[in-house]
């Protein structure tokens, strides 16, 4: 098992933990961790609100990364309890749009399984084919 993967999964689990914001809304049910080309790890948690106002843990981690003016992700993982979750479409698009190099980022789908963002976004609209 890759130590980089273990470290990221543990970092995501460390911030994960559902808690109530109000009677109807919660946060922390999903935790995410990102490693950038600098080697720094950024984390985030989801916020579950009504009307699409919440956001995913991956986007929260990306916002933390952007505060340090970093954009190039090498690895990303999201967890909920003992499960590793694939990023949703919004998170995949966010990664692709903030830096095209992120198409080669490794998305952790399991302790023994990673895929590139490119594999999750085939034929992406930002990739220009050479004719």
Protein backbone atom coordinates (compact mmCIF):
# COMPACT_ATOMS: atom_id res chain seq x y z
CA UNK A 1 0.00 0.00 0.00
CA UNK A 2 1.31 3.44 -0.98
CA UNK A 3 2.23 5.67 2.00
CA UNK A 4 1.09 8.78 0.09
CA UNK A 5 -2.38 7.29 -0.30
CA UNK A 6 -2.52 6.21 3.35
CA UNK A 7 -1.49 9.71 4.49
CA UNK A 8 -4.14 11.43 2.36
CA UNK A 9 -6.92 9.05 3.40
CA UNK A 10 -5.98 9.59 7.06
CA UNK A 11 -5.91 13.39 6.59
CA UNK A 12 -9.39 13.28 5.04
CA UNK A 13 -10.70 11.05 7.84
CA UNK A 14 -9.20 13.38 10.46
CA UNK A 15 -11.46 16.27 9.35
CA UNK A 16 -14.49 14.10 8.63
CA UNK A 17 -17.26 13.85 11.21
CA UNK A 18 -20.88 14.86 10.70
CA UNK A 19 -22.25 17.56 12.98
CA UNK A 20 -25.52 19.51 13.02
CA UNK A 21 -25.61 23.17 12.02
CA UNK A 22 -29.37 23.56 12.60
CA UNK A 23 -32.28 21.13 12.79
CA UNK A 24 -32.15 20.59 9.02
CA UNK A 25 -28.54 21.18 7.99
CA UNK A 26 -25.18 19.59 8.73
CA UNK A 27 -21.51 19.65 7.85
CA UNK A 28 -18.54 17.30 7.93
CA UNK A 29 -20.19 14.14 6.63
CA UNK A 30 -17.50 14.01 3.96
CA UNK A 31 -13.84 14.98 4.37
CA UNK A 32 -11.36 15.51 1.55
CA UNK A 33 -7.60 15.83 1.25
CA UNK A 34 -5.47 17.13 -1.61
CA UNK A 35 -1.74 16.88 -2.18
CA UNK A 36 -0.18 19.48 -4.49
CA UNK A 37 3.05 19.39 -6.48
CA UNK A 38 4.72 21.26 -3.61
CA UNK A 39 3.91 18.29 -1.36
CA UNK A 40 1.56 20.28 0.86
CA UNK A 41 -1.70 18.65 1.97
CA UNK A 42 -4.96 20.63 2.12
CA UNK A 43 -8.21 19.41 3.67
CA UNK A 44 -11.86 20.37 3.59
CA UNK A 45 -15.30 19.23 4.72
CA UNK A 46 -18.68 19.31 3.03
CA UNK A 47 -21.49 21.62 4.05
CA UNK A 48 -25.00 20.22 3.45
CA UNK A 49 -27.50 23.06 3.03
CA UNK A 50 -30.74 23.59 1.10
CA UNK A 51 -31.15 25.16 -2.34
CA UNK A 52 -27.71 24.13 -3.59
CA UNK A 53 -25.97 26.51 -1.19
CA UNK A 54 -23.72 23.88 0.35
CA UNK A 55 -20.56 22.51 -1.19
CA UNK A 56 -18.45 19.40 -1.38
CA UNK A 57 -15.43 18.61 0.76
CA UNK A 58 -13.20 18.56 -2.34
CA UNK A 59 -14.21 22.14 -3.21
CA UNK A 60 -13.49 23.21 0.38
CA UNK A 61 -10.01 21.65 0.15
CA UNK A 62 -9.46 23.33 -3.22
CA UNK A 63 -10.38 26.71 -1.69
CA UNK A 64 -7.79 26.12 1.05
CA UNK A 65 -5.21 25.28 -1.61
CA UNK A 66 -6.01 28.40 -3.62
CA UNK A 67 -5.40 30.61 -0.57
CA UNK A 68 -1.74 29.56 -0.90
CA UNK A 69 -1.89 30.34 -4.65
CA UNK A 70 -1.42 26.69 -5.55
CA UNK A 71 -3.43 25.11 -8.38
CA UNK A 72 -1.64 21.90 -9.39
CA UNK A 73 -3.05 18.81 -7.65
CA UNK A 74 -1.16 15.52 -7.67
CA UNK A 75 -3.61 13.44 -5.59
CA UNK A 76 -7.11 13.86 -4.16
CA UNK A 77 -9.39 11.73 -1.99
CA UNK A 78 -12.80 12.11 -0.34
CA UNK A 79 -14.05 9.91 2.50
CA UNK A 80 -17.23 9.39 4.45
CA UNK A 81 -16.87 7.13 7.46
CA UNK A 82 -14.95 4.09 6.23
CA UNK A 83 -15.85 4.66 2.55
CA UNK A 84 -13.70 6.34 -0.09
CA UNK A 85 -15.90 8.31 -2.48
CA UNK A 86 -15.32 9.32 -6.12
CA UNK A 87 -15.60 13.06 -6.76
CA UNK A 88 -18.92 14.28 -8.16
CA UNK A 89 -19.12 16.02 -11.53
CA UNK A 90 -18.88 19.50 -10.00
CA UNK A 91 -15.67 18.59 -8.17
CA UNK A 92 -14.18 17.00 -11.28
CA UNK A 93 -14.96 20.13 -13.30
CA UNK A 94 -13.54 22.41 -10.61
CA UNK A 95 -10.25 20.51 -10.64
CA UNK A 96 -10.05 20.61 -14.44
CA UNK A 97 -10.91 24.29 -14.74
CA UNK A 98 -8.53 25.68 -12.09
CA UNK A 99 -5.51 24.08 -13.79
CA UNK A 100 -5.48 21.91 -16.95
CA UNK A 101 -2.51 19.96 -15.51
CA UNK A 102 -4.98 18.52 -13.01
CA UNK A 103 -6.31 16.26 -15.76
CA UNK A 104 -3.33 14.06 -14.83
CA UNK A 105 -4.04 14.22 -11.07
CA UNK A 106 -4.52 10.86 -9.38
CA UNK A 107 -7.98 10.41 -7.90
CA UNK A 108 -7.94 7.88 -5.07
CA UNK A 109 -10.90 5.51 -5.41
CA UNK A 110 -9.66 2.88 -2.95
CA UNK A 111 -6.61 1.97 -0.92
CA UNK A 112 -5.33 0.00 -3.93
CA UNK A 113 -7.01 1.94 -6.76
CA UNK A 114 -6.33 5.33 -8.34
CA UNK A 115 -7.33 6.76 -11.70
CA UNK A 116 -6.43 10.00 -13.41
CA UNK A 117 -8.93 12.82 -13.56
CA UNK A 118 -8.61 12.47 -17.35
CA UNK A 119 -10.09 8.96 -17.04
CA UNK A 120 -13.06 10.38 -15.12
CA UNK A 121 -13.51 13.20 -17.66
CA UNK A 122 -12.95 11.64 -21.09
CA UNK A 123 -13.35 13.96 -24.06
CA UNK A 124 -13.30 17.00 -21.77
CA UNK A 125 -14.53 20.20 -23.39
CA UNK A 126 -11.44 22.20 -22.38
CA UNK A 127 -9.03 19.83 -24.10
CA UNK A 128 -8.37 21.01 -27.62
CA UNK A 129 -7.55 18.28 -30.09
CA UNK A 130 -4.79 18.91 -32.57
CA UNK A 131 -6.05 18.49 -36.12
